[in-house]
Amino acid sequence: MKVSDVLSLSTRMFRTNPMRTFLTILGLSVGIGAVLFLVSLGYGLQKLVLGNITSADSLLSLDVTPGAGNAITVSKGNIQNIAKIPHVDFVSPIVTYNSQVTINGVTGSTVANVVDSNFFKLSGQNVDYGQLPSANNTTGIIISSAGASLFGLSPKNIVGQSANISLLIPDSGTETANTIVSNRPGPFKIIGVIKDDSSNYIYFPFASLSDLNIQTFDELKIKISDAKYASSISSAVISQGFMVSSLSNIVDQTNKIFQIIQTVLAIFGLIALVVSAIGMMNTMTITLLERINEIGIMRAIGISKKDIKLMFLAESMIMGFLGGLGGIILGYVGGLLVNSGVNLLAQTFGGKALNLFYYPAWFVYFIIIFSTVIGLLTGIFPSIKASKLNPLSALRYK
């Protein structure tokens, strides 16, 4: 029997039993759609979380802090030694001071993190409003959203505001803050806001303090040339008495957690898929019973057992394939509706619109192949049963 004949006989169900065929395909589509919906939700949440904490440079950075009890300080000499370690591209120091900020006549105390422009690349931080400072920045200030609320301004409205900033910088070897840096080269200006409603801080440019010759720092960020050198560089830094941590380690742990979440969500979706696959197998079994006489006639006129088996397998695979396409449509539409509803609620309460679902192309292709295989599996038993029917018994079946 020709391939065209097999396909013609396999698609008869759309003409002879259109409603039953449609409901069978719809049942499989619901199961496939549930898997796609839940797994894409897991991927979307993973992408959302990691997208907010990582950048390409941040995954190639190491955080260096003094040892326990701050018995060891990070000095300029330490920075020079660390910068000489092979495969270290550059080092970005951070120092923290208490400060007072005055905006529109309102003065508040906050923490000032003095950094250079490389810090934001290596930390993976980004602003929700405004922009990040440039490499030659001397007057631009980044503030947290909690810091903005301290001055009675929204994060959006505080961008562009002039600020009078005083840093309390202690003399070397003392704990007394007797050096005050105010508006140099000034006036300072708020150029960006980081979404953080729990901590009150600003990021202050190192270039404004170049003449003070700061000797000690609170933390360093190291940019390495390749992730494969992270272990050796960490060991070299630790041998100098410092503690080292890496955002890539946090990302790895986060990915493992989301893999577990995606697996659990996929299991819930597979439960619905199993139920729909059982329904599809039941449909194929009923189809076999209805066609016993036809099978007897086909066998009597010379159609082989192999052709009978192929006919049933092709029919089940076609329904599986169409169930996969329907499942993709249902899963995507369901995700679109849920995402729109969640974003509508978020905007109502002053939140930010987010995309909770992500559909990797490979997973969409896998869904179609998987649903076709499910169809094939549900058709194996009926096809074998049909191919083994005795022609005479099949002709006499009522």
Protein backbone atom coordinates (compact mmCIF):
# COMPACT_ATOMS: atom_id res chain seq x y z
CA MET A 1 0.00 0.00 0.00
CA LYS A 2 1.34 3.44 -0.96
CA VAL A 3 2.15 6.13 1.59
CA SER A 4 -0.61 8.30 0.16
CA ASP A 5 -3.10 5.46 0.69
CA VAL A 6 -1.96 5.03 4.32
CA LEU A 7 -2.38 8.76 4.96
CA SER A 8 -5.78 8.82 3.25
CA LEU A 9 -7.06 5.95 5.39
CA SER A 10 -5.47 7.43 8.52
CA THR A 11 -7.25 10.76 8.15
CA ARG A 12 -10.69 9.29 7.63
CA MET A 13 -11.49 9.89 11.30
CA PHE A 14 -11.89 13.61 10.53
CA ARG A 15 -14.73 12.74 8.17
CA THR A 16 -16.35 9.74 9.87
CA ASN A 17 -16.07 10.82 13.54
CA PRO A 18 -15.12 14.52 13.54
CA MET A 19 -16.47 15.30 17.02
CA ARG A 20 -14.79 12.37 18.75
CA THR A 21 -11.53 13.08 16.93
CA PHE A 22 -11.68 16.76 17.86
CA LEU A 23 -12.35 15.99 21.53
CA THR A 24 -9.50 13.46 21.62
CA ILE A 25 -7.08 15.98 20.13
CA LEU A 26 -8.40 18.68 22.49
CA GLY A 27 -7.84 16.41 25.50
CA LEU A 28 -4.23 15.84 24.45
CA SER A 29 -3.84 19.57 23.76
CA VAL A 30 -4.96 20.38 27.30
CA GLY A 31 -2.34 18.02 28.72
CA ILE A 32 0.42 19.38 26.48
CA GLY A 33 -0.73 22.94 27.18
CA ALA A 34 -0.52 22.33 30.93
CA VAL A 35 3.07 21.10 30.59
CA LEU A 36 4.04 24.08 28.42
CA PHE A 37 2.28 26.57 30.72
CA LEU A 38 3.90 25.32 33.93
CA VAL A 39 7.40 24.74 32.56
CA SER A 40 7.46 28.10 30.74
CA LEU A 41 6.40 29.73 34.01
CA GLY A 42 9.42 28.15 35.69
CA TYR A 43 11.73 29.35 32.89
CA GLY A 44 10.16 32.81 33.01
CA LEU A 45 10.69 33.17 36.76
CA GLN A 46 14.27 31.94 36.40
CA LYS A 47 15.01 34.43 33.62
CA LEU A 48 13.32 37.21 35.59
CA VAL A 49 15.34 36.60 38.76
CA LEU A 50 18.70 36.05 37.06
CA GLY A 51 18.12 38.93 34.65
CA ASN A 52 17.84 41.32 37.58
CA ILE A 53 21.04 40.22 39.32
CA THR A 54 23.44 39.33 36.54
CA SER A 55 25.23 40.76 33.57
CA ALA A 56 27.98 39.32 31.40
CA ASP A 57 30.69 41.07 33.45
CA SER A 58 29.12 40.26 36.83
CA LEU A 59 29.45 36.53 36.11
CA LEU A 60 33.19 37.09 35.60
CA SER A 61 33.71 38.99 38.86
CA LEU A 62 34.94 38.03 42.30
CA ASP A 63 34.08 39.89 45.52
CA VAL A 64 37.01 40.37 47.90
CA THR A 65 36.43 41.38 51.53
CA PRO A 66 38.68 41.52 54.64
CA GLY A 67 38.91 38.45 56.85
CA ALA A 68 36.83 37.82 59.96
CA GLY A 69 36.82 40.67 62.46
CA ASN A 70 38.28 43.07 59.88
CA ALA A 71 41.75 42.37 61.28
CA ILE A 72 43.01 42.63 57.72
CA THR A 73 42.34 45.78 55.72
CA VAL A 74 42.27 46.18 51.96
CA SER A 75 45.02 48.63 51.05
CA LYS A 76 46.35 50.13 47.83
CA GLY A 77 49.25 47.70 48.04
CA ASN A 78 46.80 44.80 48.16
CA ILE A 79 45.05 46.13 45.08
CA GLN A 80 48.35 46.32 43.20
CA ASN A 81 49.27 42.76 44.21
CA ILE A 82 45.87 41.38 43.22
CA ALA A 83 45.95 43.24 39.89
CA LYS A 84 49.24 41.43 39.08
CA ILE A 85 47.64 37.98 39.43
CA PRO A 86 47.50 36.31 35.99
CA HIS A 87 44.15 36.58 34.17
CA VAL A 88 42.92 39.48 36.35
CA ASP A 89 41.69 42.22 33.98
CA PHE A 90 41.14 44.99 36.52
CA VAL A 91 40.17 45.70 40.14
CA SER A 92 37.36 47.98 41.28
CA PRO A 93 37.63 49.18 44.93
CA ILE A 94 34.69 50.19 47.14
CA VAL A 95 34.79 52.27 50.31
CA THR A 96 31.83 53.24 52.48
CA TYR A 97 31.35 56.44 54.50
CA ASN A 98 28.55 58.00 56.47
CA SER A 99 27.15 61.04 54.72
CA GLN A 100 24.57 63.79 54.79
CA VAL A 101 22.56 64.65 51.69
CA THR A 102 20.51 67.81 51.17
CA ILE A 103 17.93 67.98 48.36
CA ASN A 104 15.44 70.85 48.02
CA GLY A 105 16.24 72.02 51.55
CA VAL A 106 15.63 68.58 53.10
CA THR A 107 18.65 66.97 54.78
CA GLY A 108 18.97 63.29 55.57
CA SER A 109 21.68 60.89 56.70
CA THR A 110 22.61 58.02 54.42
CA VAL A 111 25.39 55.62 53.57
CA ALA A 112 27.67 56.62 50.69
CA ASN A 113 29.35 53.84 48.72
CA VAL A 114 32.26 55.41 46.88
CA VAL A 115 32.80 53.50 43.63
CA ASP A 116 34.05 53.86 40.08
CA SER A 117 32.00 53.18 36.95
CA ASN A 118 33.33 49.60 36.69
CA PHE A 119 31.52 48.70 39.91
CA PHE A 120 28.11 48.61 38.22
CA LYS A 121 29.34 46.29 35.47
CA LEU A 122 30.82 43.87 37.98
CA SER A 123 27.92 43.97 40.46
CA GLY A 124 25.28 43.43 37.80
CA GLN A 125 23.26 46.33 39.19
CA ASN A 126 21.20 48.55 36.95
CA VAL A 127 19.04 51.60 37.44
CA ASP A 128 15.26 51.59 37.12
CA TYR A 129 15.22 55.31 36.39
CA GLY A 130 17.86 57.53 34.84
CA GLN A 131 21.23 56.17 33.78
CA LEU A 132 24.43 54.67 35.12
CA PRO A 133 27.49 56.94 35.52
CA SER A 134 30.06 57.18 32.73
CA ALA A 135 33.77 56.38 33.14
CA ASN A 136 34.74 60.04 33.68
CA ASN A 137 31.85 60.80 36.02
CA THR A 138 32.67 63.27 38.82
CA THR A 139 29.28 64.73 39.78
CA GLY A 140 26.65 62.07 39.03
CA ILE A 141 25.07 60.28 42.02
CA ILE A 142 23.06 57.05 42.10
CA ILE A 143 20.48 56.73 44.90
CA SER A 144 18.27 53.89 46.11
CA SER A 145 14.47 54.21 45.95
CA ALA A 146 14.43 54.09 49.77
CA GLY A 147 16.81 57.06 49.77
CA ALA A 148 14.53 58.92 47.35
CA SER A 149 11.54 58.47 49.66
CA LEU A 150 13.61 60.00 52.49
CA PHE A 151 13.32 63.31 50.66
CA GLY A 152 9.64 62.94 49.84
CA LEU A 153 10.29 62.34 46.15
CA SER A 154 9.36 59.44 43.90
CA PRO A 155 12.20 57.57 42.17
CA LYS A 156 11.15 59.09 38.85
CA ASN A 157 11.00 62.68 40.11
CA ILE A 158 14.29 62.64 42.01
CA VAL A 159 16.31 62.07 38.83
CA GLY A 160 17.89 65.35 37.78
CA GLN A 161 17.71 66.92 41.26
CA SER A 162 20.79 68.77 42.55
CA ALA A 163 22.22 67.49 45.82
CA ASN A 164 24.52 68.94 48.49
CA ILE A 165 26.52 65.96 49.80
CA SER A 166 28.88 65.84 52.77
CA LEU A 167 31.03 62.76 53.37
CA LEU A 168 32.42 62.11 56.84
CA ILE A 169 35.86 60.65 56.11
CA PRO A 170 37.99 59.66 59.12
CA ASP A 171 41.70 60.45 59.24
CA SER A 172 44.02 57.51 58.72
CA GLY A 173 44.57 55.61 61.98
CA THR A 174 41.66 57.25 63.80
CA GLU A 175 37.94 56.66 64.07
CA THR A 176 37.07 60.36 64.12
CA ALA A 177 35.33 61.69 61.05
CA ASN A 178 37.07 65.06 60.81
CA THR A 179 37.37 65.43 57.06
CA ILE A 180 34.24 66.72 55.35
CA VAL A 181 33.95 66.68 51.60
CA SER A 182 31.10 68.86 50.37
CA ASN A 183 30.10 69.60 46.78
CA ARG A 184 33.46 68.97 45.18
CA PRO A 185 33.68 69.53 42.28
CA GLY A 186 29.88 69.95 42.61
CA PRO A 187 27.15 70.63 42.56
CA PHE A 188 26.26 66.94 42.53
CA LYS A 189 23.29 65.64 40.61
CA ILE A 190 21.08 62.56 40.96
CA ILE A 191 21.41 60.73 37.63
CA GLY A 192 19.87 57.33 38.46
CA VAL A 193 17.74 55.39 40.94
CA ILE A 194 18.13 51.73 41.91
CA LYS A 195 14.96 49.93 42.98
CA ASP A 196 15.62 49.07 46.63
CA ASP A 197 12.93 50.00 49.14
CA SER A 198 14.71 48.43 52.12
CA SER A 199 18.11 50.18 52.19
CA ASN A 200 18.98 53.88 52.18
CA TYR A 201 22.23 54.57 50.31
CA ILE A 202 23.91 56.46 47.48
CA TYR A 203 26.75 55.63 45.08
CA PHE A 204 29.33 58.41 45.01
CA PRO A 205 32.04 58.81 42.30
CA PHE A 206 35.64 57.99 43.27
CA ALA A 207 36.87 60.64 40.80
CA SER A 208 35.61 63.38 43.16
CA LEU A 209 38.00 62.19 45.89
CA SER A 210 41.13 61.67 43.78
CA ASP A 211 43.08 64.33 45.71
CA LEU A 212 42.48 62.70 49.12
CA ASN A 213 44.72 59.70 48.38
CA ILE A 214 42.48 57.15 50.10
CA GLN A 215 44.62 54.23 51.32
CA THR A 216 42.16 51.64 52.68
CA PHE A 217 39.02 50.16 51.21
CA ASP A 218 36.11 48.03 52.40
CA GLU A 219 35.76 45.70 49.43
CA LEU A 220 37.15 44.92 46.00
CA LYS A 221 35.57 43.57 42.87
CA ILE A 222 37.88 41.67 40.54
CA LYS A 223 37.17 41.22 36.83
CA ILE A 224 38.68 37.98 35.54
CA SER A 225 39.28 37.18 31.87
CA ASP A 226 37.53 33.78 31.90
CA ALA A 227 35.39 31.78 34.32
CA LYS A 228 37.82 28.83 34.12
CA TYR A 229 40.41 30.90 36.04
CA ALA A 230 38.04 31.72 38.92
CA SER A 231 39.27 28.91 41.15
CA SER A 232 43.00 29.66 40.77
CA ILE A 233 42.50 33.41 41.20
CA SER A 234 40.32 32.87 44.27
CA SER A 235 43.03 30.68 45.82
CA ALA A 236 45.68 33.32 45.15
CA VAL A 237 43.56 36.04 46.78
CA ILE A 238 42.62 33.85 49.76
CA SER A 239 46.32 33.12 50.35
CA GLN A 240 46.74 36.86 50.99
CA GLY A 241 44.26 36.64 53.88
CA PHE A 242 41.04 37.79 52.18
CA MET A 243 37.63 36.25 51.76
CA VAL A 244 36.38 35.65 48.20
CA SER A 245 32.87 35.08 46.91
CA SER A 246 31.47 34.93 43.40
CA LEU A 247 28.11 35.80 41.89
CA SER A 248 28.53 32.86 39.52
CA ASN A 249 28.31 30.51 42.53
CA ILE A 250 25.05 32.16 43.55
CA VAL A 251 23.77 31.85 39.98
CA ASP A 252 24.68 28.15 39.89
CA GLN A 253 22.77 27.53 43.11
CA THR A 254 19.84 29.57 41.81
CA ASN A 255 19.78 27.55 38.59
CA LYS A 256 19.74 24.32 40.57
CA ILE A 257 16.80 25.55 42.63
CA PHE A 258 14.88 26.53 39.50
CA GLN A 259 15.65 23.17 37.90
CA ILE A 260 13.92 21.54 40.84
CA ILE A 261 10.99 23.95 40.53
CA GLN A 262 10.71 23.28 36.79
CA THR A 263 10.79 19.53 37.40
CA VAL A 264 8.01 19.74 40.00
CA LEU A 265 5.89 21.92 37.70
CA ALA A 266 6.51 19.54 34.79
CA ILE A 267 5.35 16.59 36.92
CA PHE A 268 2.05 18.36 37.63
CA GLY A 269 1.66 19.00 33.91
CA LEU A 270 2.53 15.39 33.06
CA ILE A 271 -0.31 14.18 35.30
CA ALA A 272 -2.79 15.99 33.03
CA LEU A 273 -0.92 14.65 29.99
CA VAL A 274 -1.16 11.05 31.22
CA VAL A 275 -4.92 11.42 31.71
CA SER A 276 -5.33 12.79 28.16
CA ALA A 277 -3.07 10.03 26.74
CA ILE A 278 -5.27 7.39 28.38
CA GLY A 279 -8.28 9.03 26.75
CA MET A 280 -6.53 8.94 23.39
CA MET A 281 -5.66 5.26 23.79
CA ASN A 282 -9.29 4.58 24.65
CA THR A 283 -10.34 6.35 21.43
CA MET A 284 -7.93 4.26 19.36
CA THR A 285 -9.26 1.07 20.98
CA ILE A 286 -12.85 2.05 20.15
CA THR A 287 -11.73 2.85 16.60
CA LEU A 288 -10.28 -0.67 16.34
CA LEU A 289 -13.56 -2.25 17.44
CA GLU A 290 -15.50 -0.17 14.94
CA ARG A 291 -13.21 -1.17 12.05
CA ILE A 292 -12.90 -4.90 12.63
CA ASN A 293 -15.10 -5.66 9.60
CA GLU A 294 -13.13 -3.17 7.48
CA ILE A 295 -9.89 -4.76 8.57
CA GLY A 296 -11.25 -8.18 7.57
CA ILE A 297 -12.12 -6.83 4.10
CA MET A 298 -8.70 -5.18 3.75
CA ARG A 299 -6.93 -8.39 4.68
CA ALA A 300 -9.14 -10.39 2.32
CA ILE A 301 -8.18 -8.20 -0.67
CA GLY A 302 -4.49 -8.52 0.09
CA ILE A 303 -3.51 -5.68 2.41
CA SER A 304 -0.67 -6.89 4.65
CA LYS A 305 -0.45 -6.90 8.43
CA LYS A 306 2.29 -4.29 8.18
CA ASP A 307 0.01 -1.90 6.28
CA ILE A 308 -2.77 -2.35 8.84
CA LYS A 309 -0.31 -1.57 11.62
CA LEU A 310 1.03 1.49 9.78
CA MET A 311 -2.49 2.79 9.24
CA PHE A 312 -3.27 2.80 12.97
CA LEU A 313 0.14 4.17 13.93
CA ALA A 314 -0.15 6.98 11.38
CA GLU A 315 -3.61 7.88 12.67
CA SER A 316 -2.41 8.06 16.29
CA MET A 317 0.71 10.04 15.34
CA ILE A 318 -1.35 12.57 13.38
CA MET A 319 -3.61 13.09 16.39
CA GLY A 320 -0.56 13.36 18.65
CA PHE A 321 1.06 15.94 16.35
CA LEU A 322 -2.12 18.02 16.17
CA GLY A 323 -2.50 17.70 19.94
CA GLY A 324 1.01 19.14 20.31
CA LEU A 325 0.20 22.11 18.09
CA GLY A 326 -3.04 22.70 19.97
CA GLY A 327 -1.19 22.41 23.28
CA ILE A 328 1.32 25.06 22.24
CA ILE A 329 -1.53 27.40 21.33
CA LEU A 330 -3.41 26.71 24.59
CA GLY A 331 -0.25 27.03 26.71
CA TYR A 332 0.79 30.28 25.03
CA VAL A 333 -2.69 31.83 25.22
CA GLY A 334 -3.03 30.73 28.86
CA GLY A 335 0.34 32.27 29.72
CA LEU A 336 -0.58 35.47 27.87
CA LEU A 337 -3.86 35.81 29.79
CA VAL A 338 -2.26 35.11 33.19
CA ASN A 339 0.66 37.45 32.47
CA SER A 340 -1.72 40.22 31.39
CA GLY A 341 -3.84 39.74 34.52
CA VAL A 342 -0.83 39.81 36.85
CA ASN A 343 0.62 42.90 35.15
CA LEU A 344 -2.75 44.65 35.35
CA LEU A 345 -2.83 44.04 39.10
CA ALA A 346 0.81 45.13 39.43
CA GLN A 347 0.17 48.40 37.61
CA THR A 348 -2.96 49.00 39.68
CA PHE A 349 -0.90 48.80 42.87
CA GLY A 350 2.00 50.82 41.45
CA GLY A 351 4.21 47.89 40.52
CA LYS A 352 6.23 47.22 37.39
CA ALA A 353 5.03 45.15 34.46
CA LEU A 354 6.90 41.85 34.16
CA ASN A 355 7.00 38.94 31.76
CA LEU A 356 6.40 35.82 33.84
CA PHE A 357 6.65 33.32 30.98
CA TYR A 358 9.52 32.34 28.73
CA TYR A 359 9.27 29.83 25.90
CA PRO A 360 12.68 28.44 24.82
CA ALA A 361 12.56 27.48 21.13
CA TRP A 362 14.07 24.07 21.83
CA PHE A 363 11.34 23.31 24.36
CA VAL A 364 8.57 24.21 21.88
CA TYR A 365 10.10 21.84 19.30
CA PHE A 366 10.47 19.20 21.99
CA ILE A 367 6.79 19.56 22.90
CA ILE A 368 5.72 18.86 19.30
CA ILE A 369 8.03 15.84 19.01
CA PHE A 370 7.00 14.60 22.45
CA SER A 371 3.28 14.82 21.69
CA THR A 372 3.84 12.95 18.41
CA VAL A 373 5.69 10.23 20.31
CA ILE A 374 2.83 10.09 22.83
CA GLY A 375 0.46 9.57 19.93
CA LEU A 376 2.70 6.82 18.56
CA LEU A 377 2.81 5.04 21.91
CA THR A 378 -0.96 5.16 22.37
CA GLY A 379 -1.39 3.61 18.93
CA ILE A 380 1.03 0.70 19.36
CA PHE A 381 -1.35 -1.63 21.20
CA PRO A 382 -4.37 -1.08 18.89
CA SER A 383 -2.14 -1.39 15.79
CA ILE A 384 -0.67 -4.71 16.93
CA LYS A 385 -4.13 -5.97 17.87
CA ALA A 386 -5.51 -4.93 14.47
CA SER A 387 -2.64 -6.53 12.52
CA LYS A 388 -3.14 -9.86 14.31
CA LEU A 389 -6.87 -10.15 13.56
CA ASN A 390 -7.89 -13.23 11.64
CA PRO A 391 -9.52 -12.09 8.35
CA LEU A 392 -12.35 -14.63 8.55
CA SER A 393 -13.12 -13.83 12.19
CA ALA A 394 -13.01 -10.12 11.40
CA LEU A 395 -15.51 -10.54 8.54
CA ARG A 396 -17.90 -12.39 10.81
CA TYR A 397 -17.54 -9.86 13.69
CA LYS A 398 -20.70 -7.96 14.64
